[in-house]
């Protein structure tokens, strides 16, 4: 009986240690990603790899996208990240041409709503705090430094919704209509690949 109790005690301790390690890893995952992003931002010597209608894409832009993908457990190559970046940029450029850029007030409202949703979700709040620790910014500094990025993402979203709202059919058919539109934008764009990525 004593042997049985000792075995159970050891198992309980091992389970606790494993669970604690897993929790710590998930916490550290976001801090580590934050540090990786911060390291890229501090590296100003980034190679020019492409131009899309004159807009430059640097290797650091692609590296940041790859690291951000890790947050979603998405593993992509540099070549795939560049292709996604090109598709993203042509949509943003088209949206700007169509005057679909949101006002600063709209962006501020979006950010405040996002901050509220993060603060109301215990897991998201903890992970975001860990990420902020990794990049070495306060919450205020983070949102201030990412204002233009959120504005660009909302600009992208405005064109996407405009195309999807005009399309008829199911959700999948509307998504396909948007993807076909993006394909057309890419095909009509002036794209110069300066450095080939593998």
N, C-alpha and C. Protein backbone atom coordinates (compact mmCIF):
# COMPACT_ATOMS: atom_id res chain seq x y z
N UNK A 1 0.83 -1.20 0.00
CA UNK A 1 0.00 0.00 0.00
C UNK A 1 0.87 1.26 0.00
N UNK A 2 1.96 1.20 0.76
CA UNK A 2 2.86 2.34 0.83
C UNK A 2 3.50 2.60 -0.55
N UNK A 3 3.85 1.52 -1.25
CA UNK A 3 4.40 1.64 -2.60
C UNK A 3 3.41 2.30 -3.54
N UNK A 4 2.15 1.91 -3.44
CA UNK A 4 1.08 2.45 -4.28
C UNK A 4 0.92 3.95 -4.03
N UNK A 5 0.90 4.37 -2.77
CA UNK A 5 0.76 5.79 -2.41
C UNK A 5 1.94 6.59 -2.91
N UNK A 6 3.13 6.01 -2.79
CA UNK A 6 4.33 6.69 -3.25
C UNK A 6 4.28 6.89 -4.77
N UNK A 7 3.82 5.86 -5.50
CA UNK A 7 3.70 5.94 -6.96
C UNK A 7 2.69 7.02 -7.35
N UNK A 8 1.56 7.04 -6.67
CA UNK A 8 0.54 8.06 -6.94
C UNK A 8 1.11 9.45 -6.66
N UNK A 9 1.81 9.61 -5.56
CA UNK A 9 2.40 10.91 -5.21
C UNK A 9 3.37 11.37 -6.28
N UNK A 10 4.21 10.44 -6.75
CA UNK A 10 5.17 10.79 -7.80
C UNK A 10 4.45 11.18 -9.08
N UNK A 11 3.40 10.45 -9.45
CA UNK A 11 2.62 10.78 -10.64
C UNK A 11 1.97 12.16 -10.53
N UNK A 12 1.42 12.46 -9.36
CA UNK A 12 0.79 13.77 -9.14
C UNK A 12 1.82 14.88 -9.29
N UNK A 13 3.00 14.68 -8.71
CA UNK A 13 4.06 15.68 -8.81
C UNK A 13 4.49 15.85 -10.27
N UNK A 14 4.66 14.74 -10.99
CA UNK A 14 5.05 14.82 -12.40
C UNK A 14 4.01 15.53 -13.25
N UNK A 15 2.74 15.23 -13.02
CA UNK A 15 1.66 15.90 -13.75
C UNK A 15 1.68 17.39 -13.45
N UNK A 16 1.87 17.75 -12.19
CA UNK A 16 1.91 19.16 -11.80
C UNK A 16 3.09 19.87 -12.47
N UNK A 17 4.26 19.22 -12.44
CA UNK A 17 5.45 19.81 -13.06
C UNK A 17 5.23 19.99 -14.56
N UNK A 18 4.67 18.96 -15.21
CA UNK A 18 4.42 19.04 -16.65
C UNK A 18 3.42 20.15 -16.97
N UNK A 19 2.34 20.22 -16.20
CA UNK A 19 1.31 21.25 -16.44
C UNK A 19 1.89 22.64 -16.22
N UNK A 20 2.70 22.79 -15.17
CA UNK A 20 3.31 24.09 -14.89
C UNK A 20 4.26 24.49 -16.01
N UNK A 21 5.03 23.52 -16.51
CA UNK A 21 5.97 23.79 -17.61
C UNK A 21 5.22 24.19 -18.88
N UNK A 22 4.14 23.48 -19.17
CA UNK A 22 3.34 23.80 -20.37
C UNK A 22 2.76 25.20 -20.27
N UNK A 23 2.26 25.56 -19.07
CA UNK A 23 1.70 26.90 -18.88
C UNK A 23 2.79 27.95 -19.03
N UNK A 24 3.94 27.70 -18.43
CA UNK A 24 5.05 28.65 -18.52
C UNK A 24 5.50 28.79 -19.97
N UNK A 25 5.54 27.67 -20.72
CA UNK A 25 5.94 27.74 -22.12
C UNK A 25 4.97 28.60 -22.92
N UNK A 26 3.66 28.41 -22.69
CA UNK A 26 2.69 29.20 -23.45
C UNK A 26 2.83 30.67 -23.12
N UNK A 27 3.14 30.97 -21.86
CA UNK A 27 3.37 32.36 -21.47
C UNK A 27 4.63 32.89 -22.15
N UNK A 28 5.69 32.09 -22.10
CA UNK A 28 6.96 32.53 -22.66
C UNK A 28 6.93 32.59 -24.18
N UNK A 29 6.07 31.81 -24.82
CA UNK A 29 5.97 31.80 -26.28
C UNK A 29 5.74 33.21 -26.80
N UNK A 30 4.83 33.94 -26.18
CA UNK A 30 4.51 35.29 -26.64
C UNK A 30 5.63 36.27 -26.31
N UNK A 31 6.28 36.06 -25.17
CA UNK A 31 7.41 36.92 -24.82
C UNK A 31 8.56 36.69 -25.81
N UNK A 32 8.81 35.43 -26.14
CA UNK A 32 9.87 35.09 -27.10
C UNK A 32 9.56 35.69 -28.47
N UNK A 33 8.31 35.58 -28.91
CA UNK A 33 7.92 36.16 -30.20
C UNK A 33 8.10 37.67 -30.18
N UNK A 34 7.75 38.29 -29.05
CA UNK A 34 7.95 39.73 -28.91
C UNK A 34 9.41 40.11 -29.04
N UNK A 35 10.27 39.31 -28.42
CA UNK A 35 11.71 39.59 -28.50
C UNK A 35 12.21 39.42 -29.93
N UNK A 36 11.70 38.41 -30.64
CA UNK A 36 12.10 38.20 -32.04
C UNK A 36 11.70 39.40 -32.90
N UNK A 37 10.47 39.88 -32.72
CA UNK A 37 9.99 41.05 -33.48
C UNK A 37 10.84 42.26 -33.14
N UNK A 38 11.12 42.45 -31.85
CA UNK A 38 11.92 43.58 -31.41
C UNK A 38 13.31 43.53 -32.02
N UNK A 39 13.89 42.34 -32.10
CA UNK A 39 15.21 42.18 -32.70
C UNK A 39 15.23 42.57 -34.16
N UNK A 40 14.17 42.25 -34.88
CA UNK A 40 14.08 42.61 -36.30
C UNK A 40 13.96 44.12 -36.45
N UNK A 41 13.15 44.75 -35.58
CA UNK A 41 12.96 46.19 -35.67
C UNK A 41 14.26 46.94 -35.42
N UNK A 42 15.11 46.37 -34.55
CA UNK A 42 16.37 47.04 -34.22
C UNK A 42 17.42 46.84 -35.30
N UNK A 43 17.20 45.88 -36.20
CA UNK A 43 18.14 45.60 -37.28
C UNK A 43 17.76 46.47 -38.48
N UNK A 44 18.44 47.59 -38.63
CA UNK A 44 18.11 48.53 -39.72
C UNK A 44 18.72 48.11 -41.05
N UNK A 45 19.59 47.12 -41.06
CA UNK A 45 20.27 46.69 -42.29
C UNK A 45 19.49 45.56 -42.93
N UNK A 46 18.35 45.89 -43.48
CA UNK A 46 17.48 44.90 -44.10
C UNK A 46 17.52 45.08 -45.61
N UNK A 47 17.64 43.97 -46.31
CA UNK A 47 17.75 44.00 -47.78
C UNK A 47 16.40 44.28 -48.43
N UNK A 48 16.45 45.07 -49.49
CA UNK A 48 15.27 45.29 -50.33
C UNK A 48 15.04 44.02 -51.13
N UNK A 49 13.82 43.47 -51.06
CA UNK A 49 13.59 42.22 -51.79
C UNK A 49 12.56 42.36 -52.91
N UNK A 50 11.70 43.39 -52.84
CA UNK A 50 10.70 43.54 -53.91
C UNK A 50 10.13 44.95 -53.89
N UNK A 51 9.50 45.29 -55.02
CA UNK A 51 8.74 46.54 -55.14
C UNK A 51 7.40 46.19 -55.76
N UNK A 52 6.35 46.78 -55.21
CA UNK A 52 5.00 46.57 -55.73
C UNK A 52 4.43 47.94 -56.06
N UNK A 53 4.30 48.23 -57.35
CA UNK A 53 3.85 49.55 -57.80
C UNK A 53 4.68 50.65 -57.14
N UNK A 54 5.98 50.40 -57.03
CA UNK A 54 6.89 51.38 -56.45
C UNK A 54 7.06 51.29 -54.94
N UNK A 55 6.17 50.60 -54.26
CA UNK A 55 6.27 50.46 -52.80
C UNK A 55 7.25 49.34 -52.46
N UNK A 56 8.23 49.67 -51.63
CA UNK A 56 9.30 48.74 -51.32
C UNK A 56 8.92 47.75 -50.22
N UNK A 57 9.41 46.53 -50.39
CA UNK A 57 9.26 45.49 -49.37
C UNK A 57 10.66 45.05 -48.98
N UNK A 58 10.94 45.11 -47.68
CA UNK A 58 12.25 44.73 -47.17
C UNK A 58 12.18 43.36 -46.51
N UNK A 59 13.34 42.73 -46.41
CA UNK A 59 13.41 41.41 -45.79
C UNK A 59 12.85 41.44 -44.37
N UNK A 60 13.08 42.53 -43.65
CA UNK A 60 12.56 42.64 -42.28
C UNK A 60 11.03 42.59 -42.25
N UNK A 61 10.38 43.16 -43.27
CA UNK A 61 8.91 43.11 -43.35
C UNK A 61 8.45 41.66 -43.44
N UNK A 62 9.14 40.88 -44.25
CA UNK A 62 8.79 39.47 -44.44
C UNK A 62 9.09 38.68 -43.17
N UNK A 63 10.25 38.94 -42.56
CA UNK A 63 10.61 38.23 -41.33
C UNK A 63 9.59 38.49 -40.22
N UNK A 64 9.12 39.73 -40.11
CA UNK A 64 8.10 40.04 -39.08
C UNK A 64 6.80 39.29 -39.36
N UNK A 65 6.41 39.21 -40.63
CA UNK A 65 5.19 38.47 -40.97
C UNK A 65 5.32 36.99 -40.63
N UNK A 66 6.51 36.43 -40.87
CA UNK A 66 6.74 35.02 -40.54
C UNK A 66 6.63 34.81 -39.03
N UNK A 67 7.22 35.71 -38.26
CA UNK A 67 7.16 35.59 -36.80
C UNK A 67 5.74 35.77 -36.30
N UNK A 68 5.01 36.73 -36.86
CA UNK A 68 3.61 36.91 -36.45
C UNK A 68 2.79 35.66 -36.75
N UNK A 69 3.13 34.98 -37.83
CA UNK A 69 2.45 33.73 -38.17
C UNK A 69 2.64 32.67 -37.11
N UNK A 70 3.77 32.70 -36.43
CA UNK A 70 4.02 31.73 -35.36
C UNK A 70 3.00 31.87 -34.24
N UNK A 71 2.51 33.08 -34.02
CA UNK A 71 1.49 33.30 -32.99
C UNK A 71 0.26 32.47 -33.32
N UNK A 72 -0.04 32.34 -34.59
CA UNK A 72 -1.20 31.55 -35.03
C UNK A 72 -0.81 30.12 -35.38
N UNK A 73 0.41 29.73 -35.00
CA UNK A 73 0.94 28.40 -35.31
C UNK A 73 0.96 28.13 -36.80
N UNK A 74 1.22 29.17 -37.57
CA UNK A 74 1.30 29.05 -39.03
C UNK A 74 2.77 29.12 -39.44
N UNK A 75 3.23 28.10 -40.11
CA UNK A 75 4.62 28.06 -40.56
C UNK A 75 4.64 28.27 -42.08
N UNK A 76 5.27 29.37 -42.50
CA UNK A 76 5.35 29.66 -43.93
C UNK A 76 6.80 30.00 -44.29
N UNK A 77 7.13 29.79 -45.54
CA UNK A 77 8.47 30.11 -46.04
C UNK A 77 8.54 31.61 -46.35
N UNK A 78 9.75 32.09 -46.58
CA UNK A 78 9.92 33.50 -46.95
C UNK A 78 9.23 33.78 -48.28
N UNK A 79 9.31 32.82 -49.20
CA UNK A 79 8.67 33.00 -50.51
C UNK A 79 7.16 33.13 -50.35
N UNK A 80 6.56 32.28 -49.52
CA UNK A 80 5.11 32.36 -49.27
C UNK A 80 4.76 33.68 -48.58
N UNK A 81 5.59 34.10 -47.64
CA UNK A 81 5.34 35.36 -46.93
C UNK A 81 5.41 36.54 -47.90
N UNK A 82 6.35 36.50 -48.84
CA UNK A 82 6.45 37.56 -49.84
C UNK A 82 5.22 37.58 -50.73
N UNK A 83 4.76 36.42 -51.16
CA UNK A 83 3.56 36.34 -52.00
C UNK A 83 2.35 36.92 -51.25
N UNK A 84 2.21 36.60 -49.98
CA UNK A 84 1.11 37.14 -49.18
C UNK A 84 1.24 38.66 -49.04
N UNK A 85 2.47 39.12 -48.82
CA UNK A 85 2.70 40.56 -48.66
C UNK A 85 2.33 41.30 -49.94
N UNK A 86 2.69 40.75 -51.08
CA UNK A 86 2.35 41.37 -52.36
C UNK A 86 0.83 41.45 -52.52
N UNK A 87 0.14 40.37 -52.22
CA UNK A 87 -1.33 40.35 -52.33
C UNK A 87 -1.94 41.39 -51.38
N UNK A 88 -1.39 41.47 -50.18
CA UNK A 88 -1.88 42.44 -49.19
C UNK A 88 -1.68 43.87 -49.70
N UNK A 89 -0.49 44.16 -50.19
CA UNK A 89 -0.18 45.53 -50.62
C UNK A 89 -1.02 45.99 -51.80
N UNK A 90 -1.27 45.10 -52.77
CA UNK A 90 -2.09 45.53 -53.92
C UNK A 90 -3.51 45.86 -53.48
N UNK A 91 -4.02 45.16 -52.49
CA UNK A 91 -5.36 45.46 -51.98
C UNK A 91 -5.36 46.82 -51.27
N UNK A 92 -4.36 47.05 -50.42
CA UNK A 92 -4.28 48.33 -49.71
C UNK A 92 -4.12 49.48 -50.71
N UNK A 93 -3.28 49.29 -51.71
CA UNK A 93 -3.08 50.34 -52.72
C UNK A 93 -4.38 50.64 -53.47
N UNK A 94 -5.11 49.60 -53.85
CA UNK A 94 -6.40 49.79 -54.55
C UNK A 94 -7.41 50.48 -53.63
N UNK A 95 -7.43 50.08 -52.37
CA UNK A 95 -8.37 50.70 -51.42
C UNK A 95 -8.07 52.19 -51.25
N UNK A 96 -6.80 52.54 -51.23
CA UNK A 96 -6.42 53.95 -51.12
C UNK A 96 -6.88 54.72 -52.36
N UNK A 97 -6.72 54.10 -53.54
CA UNK A 97 -7.16 54.75 -54.78
C UNK A 97 -8.67 54.97 -54.78
N UNK A 98 -9.40 54.08 -54.11
CA UNK A 98 -10.85 54.21 -54.03
C UNK A 98 -11.31 55.01 -52.81
N UNK A 99 -10.38 55.67 -52.14
CA UNK A 99 -10.67 56.50 -50.95
C UNK A 99 -11.39 55.71 -49.85
N UNK A 100 -10.91 54.50 -49.60
CA UNK A 100 -11.50 53.65 -48.57
C UNK A 100 -10.68 53.64 -47.28
N UNK A 101 -9.83 54.65 -47.11
CA UNK A 101 -9.01 54.76 -45.90
C UNK A 101 -9.88 55.29 -44.77
N UNK A 102 -9.89 54.61 -43.62
CA UNK A 102 -10.72 55.07 -42.51
C UNK A 102 -10.14 56.34 -41.88
N UNK A 103 -11.00 57.09 -41.23
CA UNK A 103 -10.55 58.29 -40.53
C UNK A 103 -9.75 57.89 -39.30
N UNK A 104 -8.94 58.83 -38.80
CA UNK A 104 -8.19 58.57 -37.57
C UNK A 104 -9.14 58.24 -36.42
N UNK A 105 -10.28 58.89 -36.40
CA UNK A 105 -11.28 58.64 -35.34
C UNK A 105 -11.76 57.19 -35.39
N UNK A 106 -11.99 56.68 -36.59
CA UNK A 106 -12.42 55.28 -36.74
C UNK A 106 -11.33 54.33 -36.25
N UNK A 107 -10.08 54.64 -36.57
CA UNK A 107 -8.97 53.78 -36.13
C UNK A 107 -8.84 53.81 -34.61
N UNK A 108 -8.95 55.00 -34.02
CA UNK A 108 -8.89 55.11 -32.55
C UNK A 108 -10.02 54.30 -31.91
N UNK A 109 -11.19 54.38 -32.49
CA UNK A 109 -12.34 53.63 -31.97
C UNK A 109 -12.09 52.13 -32.07
N UNK A 110 -11.53 51.68 -33.19
CA UNK A 110 -11.20 50.27 -33.37
C UNK A 110 -10.20 49.82 -32.31
N UNK A 111 -9.16 50.62 -32.10
CA UNK A 111 -8.13 50.27 -31.12
C UNK A 111 -8.71 50.20 -29.71
N UNK A 112 -9.57 51.16 -29.36
CA UNK A 112 -10.18 51.13 -28.03
C UNK A 112 -11.05 49.89 -27.85
N UNK A 113 -11.78 49.52 -28.89
CA UNK A 113 -12.60 48.30 -28.83
C UNK A 113 -11.71 47.07 -28.67
N UNK A 114 -10.61 47.03 -29.40
CA UNK A 114 -9.66 45.92 -29.31
C UNK A 114 -9.07 45.83 -27.91
N UNK A 115 -8.66 46.97 -27.36
CA UNK A 115 -8.10 46.98 -26.00
C UNK A 115 -9.11 46.47 -24.98
N UNK A 116 -10.35 46.86 -25.17
CA UNK A 116 -11.41 46.43 -24.25
C UNK A 116 -11.59 44.91 -24.33
N UNK A 117 -11.64 44.38 -25.56
CA UNK A 117 -11.82 42.93 -25.73
C UNK A 117 -10.64 42.16 -25.15
N UNK A 118 -9.43 42.67 -25.32
CA UNK A 118 -8.25 42.00 -24.74
C UNK A 118 -8.35 42.00 -23.22
N UNK A 119 -8.71 43.15 -22.65
CA UNK A 119 -8.76 43.24 -21.18
C UNK A 119 -9.86 42.37 -20.58
N UNK A 120 -10.90 42.08 -21.35
CA UNK A 120 -12.01 41.26 -20.85
C UNK A 120 -11.74 39.76 -20.99
N UNK A 121 -10.71 39.40 -21.70
CA UNK A 121 -10.36 37.99 -21.91
C UNK A 121 -9.08 37.69 -21.14
N UNK A 122 -9.19 36.88 -20.11
CA UNK A 122 -8.06 36.61 -19.22
C UNK A 122 -6.85 36.04 -19.96
N UNK A 123 -7.09 35.08 -20.84
CA UNK A 123 -5.98 34.46 -21.58
C UNK A 123 -5.35 35.46 -22.54
N UNK A 124 -6.18 36.16 -23.31
CA UNK A 124 -5.65 37.14 -24.26
C UNK A 124 -4.88 38.24 -23.54
N UNK A 125 -5.40 38.67 -22.40
CA UNK A 125 -4.75 39.71 -21.62
C UNK A 125 -3.37 39.26 -21.14
N UNK A 126 -3.30 38.04 -20.65
CA UNK A 126 -2.03 37.48 -20.16
C UNK A 126 -1.03 37.32 -21.31
N UNK A 127 -1.50 36.80 -22.45
CA UNK A 127 -0.61 36.60 -23.60
C UNK A 127 -0.14 37.93 -24.18
N UNK A 128 -1.02 38.91 -24.22
CA UNK A 128 -0.65 40.23 -24.74
C UNK A 128 0.38 40.88 -23.82
N UNK A 129 0.19 40.76 -22.51
CA UNK A 129 1.15 41.32 -21.55
C UNK A 129 2.52 40.66 -21.72
N UNK A 130 2.52 39.36 -21.97
CA UNK A 130 3.76 38.63 -22.19
C UNK A 130 4.44 39.11 -23.48
N UNK A 131 3.66 39.32 -24.53
CA UNK A 131 4.19 39.82 -25.80
C UNK A 131 4.78 41.22 -25.62
N UNK A 132 4.07 42.08 -24.90
CA UNK A 132 4.56 43.44 -24.64
C UNK A 132 5.89 43.41 -23.89
N UNK A 133 5.98 42.51 -22.93
CA UNK A 133 7.23 42.36 -22.18
C UNK A 133 8.36 41.99 -23.14
N UNK A 134 8.07 41.09 -24.08
CA UNK A 134 9.08 40.66 -25.05
C UNK A 134 9.55 41.78 -25.96
N UNK A 135 8.63 42.63 -26.41
CA UNK A 135 9.05 43.71 -27.32
C UNK A 135 9.49 44.96 -26.56
N UNK A 136 9.30 44.94 -25.24
CA UNK A 136 9.78 46.05 -24.42
C UNK A 136 8.98 47.33 -24.55
N UNK A 137 7.67 47.19 -24.73
CA UNK A 137 6.80 48.37 -24.84
C UNK A 137 5.68 48.29 -23.81
N UNK A 138 5.18 49.45 -23.42
CA UNK A 138 3.96 49.48 -22.62
C UNK A 138 2.79 49.31 -23.58
N UNK A 139 1.62 49.05 -23.03
CA UNK A 139 0.43 48.90 -23.87
C UNK A 139 0.19 50.18 -24.67
N UNK A 140 0.34 51.32 -24.01
CA UNK A 140 0.13 52.61 -24.67
C UNK A 140 1.12 52.80 -25.82
N UNK A 141 2.39 52.50 -25.56
CA UNK A 141 3.42 52.64 -26.60
C UNK A 141 3.15 51.70 -27.77
N UNK A 142 2.70 50.49 -27.46
CA UNK A 142 2.41 49.52 -28.51
C UNK A 142 1.33 50.05 -29.46
N UNK A 143 0.20 50.46 -28.89
CA UNK A 143 -0.91 50.90 -29.75
C UNK A 143 -0.57 52.19 -30.48
N UNK A 144 0.20 53.05 -29.84
CA UNK A 144 0.62 54.29 -30.51
C UNK A 144 1.54 53.97 -31.70
N UNK A 145 2.48 53.05 -31.50
CA UNK A 145 3.43 52.73 -32.57
C UNK A 145 2.80 51.87 -33.68
N UNK A 146 1.66 51.25 -33.41
CA UNK A 146 1.01 50.40 -34.40
C UNK A 146 -0.25 51.05 -35.01
N UNK A 147 -0.45 52.33 -34.74
CA UNK A 147 -1.64 53.03 -35.23
C UNK A 147 -1.74 52.93 -36.76
N UNK A 148 -0.66 53.25 -37.46
CA UNK A 148 -0.69 53.23 -38.93
C UNK A 148 -0.92 51.82 -39.46
N UNK A 149 -0.37 50.83 -38.77
CA UNK A 149 -0.58 49.44 -39.17
C UNK A 149 -2.04 49.04 -39.07
N UNK A 150 -2.70 49.45 -37.97
CA UNK A 150 -4.13 49.16 -37.83
C UNK A 150 -4.93 49.91 -38.89
N UNK A 151 -4.52 51.13 -39.19
CA UNK A 151 -5.21 51.91 -40.22
C UNK A 151 -5.11 51.20 -41.57
N UNK A 152 -3.94 50.67 -41.86
CA UNK A 152 -3.73 49.95 -43.12
C UNK A 152 -4.58 48.68 -43.17
N UNK A 153 -4.64 47.96 -42.07
CA UNK A 153 -5.45 46.73 -42.03
C UNK A 153 -6.94 47.04 -42.20
N UNK A 154 -7.40 48.13 -41.62
CA UNK A 154 -8.79 48.54 -41.79
C UNK A 154 -9.05 48.97 -43.24
N UNK A 155 -8.07 49.61 -43.85
CA UNK A 155 -8.17 50.00 -45.26
C UNK A 155 -8.34 48.76 -46.12
N UNK A 156 -7.52 47.75 -45.87
CA UNK A 156 -7.61 46.46 -46.56
C UNK A 156 -9.02 45.88 -46.37
N UNK A 157 -9.47 45.88 -45.13
CA UNK A 157 -10.79 45.33 -44.81
C UNK A 157 -11.92 46.06 -45.51
N UNK A 158 -11.78 47.37 -45.66
CA UNK A 158 -12.83 48.14 -46.33
C UNK A 158 -13.01 47.71 -47.78
N UNK A 159 -11.90 47.49 -48.50
CA UNK A 159 -12.03 47.03 -49.89
C UNK A 159 -12.55 45.60 -49.94
N UNK A 160 -12.06 44.77 -49.03
CA UNK A 160 -12.53 43.38 -49.00
C UNK A 160 -14.04 43.33 -48.80
N UNK A 161 -14.55 44.12 -47.85
CA UNK A 161 -15.99 44.14 -47.60
C UNK A 161 -16.77 44.72 -48.78
N UNK A 162 -16.20 45.72 -49.42
CA UNK A 162 -16.87 46.31 -50.58
C UNK A 162 -17.03 45.27 -51.70
N UNK A 163 -15.97 44.53 -51.98
CA UNK A 163 -16.02 43.50 -53.03
C UNK A 163 -16.99 42.39 -52.62
N UNK A 164 -16.87 41.93 -51.39
CA UNK A 164 -17.72 40.83 -50.92
C UNK A 164 -19.20 41.24 -50.89
N UNK A 165 -19.46 42.50 -50.49
CA UNK A 165 -20.86 42.96 -50.41
C UNK A 165 -21.51 43.03 -51.79
N UNK A 166 -20.72 43.31 -52.83
CA UNK A 166 -21.25 43.36 -54.19
C UNK A 166 -21.48 41.97 -54.77
N UNK A 167 -20.73 41.00 -54.27
CA UNK A 167 -20.82 39.63 -54.80
C UNK A 167 -22.09 38.96 -54.30
N UNK A 168 -22.59 38.06 -55.11
CA UNK A 168 -23.78 37.29 -54.73
C UNK A 168 -23.36 35.86 -54.42
N UNK A 169 -24.19 35.20 -53.66
CA UNK A 169 -23.92 33.79 -53.38
C UNK A 169 -23.57 33.55 -51.92
N UNK A 170 -23.01 32.38 -51.70
CA UNK A 170 -22.66 31.95 -50.34
C UNK A 170 -21.42 32.69 -49.84
N UNK A 171 -21.12 32.47 -48.59
CA UNK A 171 -19.93 33.05 -47.96
C UNK A 171 -18.68 32.65 -48.75
N UNK A 172 -18.60 31.38 -49.13
CA UNK A 172 -17.45 30.88 -49.88
C UNK A 172 -17.36 31.53 -51.26
N UNK A 173 -18.51 31.73 -51.91
CA UNK A 173 -18.52 32.37 -53.23
C UNK A 173 -18.08 33.83 -53.13
N UNK A 174 -18.48 34.50 -52.07
CA UNK A 174 -18.06 35.89 -51.86
C UNK A 174 -16.56 35.97 -51.62
N UNK A 175 -16.05 35.02 -50.83
CA UNK A 175 -14.60 34.97 -50.60
C UNK A 175 -13.85 34.71 -51.90
N UNK A 176 -14.37 33.82 -52.72
CA UNK A 176 -13.76 33.51 -54.00
C UNK A 176 -13.75 34.75 -54.90
N UNK A 177 -14.84 35.49 -54.89
CA UNK A 177 -14.93 36.73 -55.69
C UNK A 177 -13.84 37.71 -55.27
N UNK A 178 -13.62 37.82 -53.97
CA UNK A 178 -12.57 38.70 -53.47
C UNK A 178 -11.20 38.20 -53.92
N UNK A 179 -10.95 36.91 -53.81
CA UNK A 179 -9.65 36.34 -54.21
C UNK A 179 -9.40 36.54 -55.70
N UNK A 180 -10.43 36.41 -56.51
CA UNK A 180 -10.30 36.64 -57.96
C UNK A 180 -9.94 38.11 -58.21
N UNK A 181 -10.57 39.01 -57.45
CA UNK A 181 -10.27 40.44 -57.58
C UNK A 181 -8.80 40.70 -57.21
N UNK A 182 -8.34 40.07 -56.14
CA UNK A 182 -6.94 40.24 -55.73
C UNK A 182 -6.00 39.68 -56.80
N UNK A 183 -6.35 38.54 -57.37
CA UNK A 183 -5.54 37.97 -58.46
C UNK A 183 -5.41 38.97 -59.61
N UNK A 184 -6.51 39.64 -59.95
CA UNK A 184 -6.49 40.64 -61.02
C UNK A 184 -5.58 41.80 -60.65
N UNK A 185 -5.67 42.26 -59.40
CA UNK A 185 -4.80 43.35 -58.95
C UNK A 185 -3.33 42.96 -59.04
N UNK A 186 -3.02 41.74 -58.62
CA UNK A 186 -1.63 41.26 -58.68
C UNK A 186 -1.17 41.18 -60.14
N UNK A 187 -2.01 40.64 -61.00
CA UNK A 187 -1.65 40.50 -62.42
C UNK A 187 -1.43 41.84 -63.10
N UNK A 188 -2.14 42.88 -62.64
CA UNK A 188 -2.02 44.21 -63.23
C UNK A 188 -0.98 45.08 -62.54
N UNK A 189 -0.42 44.60 -61.44
CA UNK A 189 0.55 45.39 -60.67
C UNK A 189 1.92 45.34 -61.32
N UNK A 190 2.67 46.39 -61.08
CA UNK A 190 4.07 46.42 -61.50
C UNK A 190 4.89 45.86 -60.34
N UNK A 191 5.31 44.61 -60.48
CA UNK A 191 6.02 43.92 -59.40
C UNK A 191 7.45 43.63 -59.84
N UNK A 192 8.38 44.08 -59.02
CA UNK A 192 9.80 43.83 -59.29
C UNK A 192 10.37 43.04 -58.11
N UNK A 193 10.81 41.82 -58.38
CA UNK A 193 11.46 41.01 -57.35
C UNK A 193 12.96 41.30 -57.44
N UNK A 194 13.48 41.94 -56.41
CA UNK A 194 14.89 42.34 -56.39
C UNK A 194 15.77 41.18 -55.96
N UNK A 195 15.29 40.41 -54.99
CA UNK A 195 16.06 39.28 -54.47
C UNK A 195 15.15 38.06 -54.38
N UNK A 196 15.54 36.99 -55.04
CA UNK A 196 14.74 35.76 -54.99
C UNK A 196 14.86 35.10 -53.63
N UNK A 197 13.73 34.64 -53.13
CA UNK A 197 13.69 33.95 -51.85
C UNK A 197 13.37 32.49 -52.09
N UNK A 198 13.94 31.63 -51.29
CA UNK A 198 13.66 30.19 -51.41
C UNK A 198 12.57 29.77 -50.46
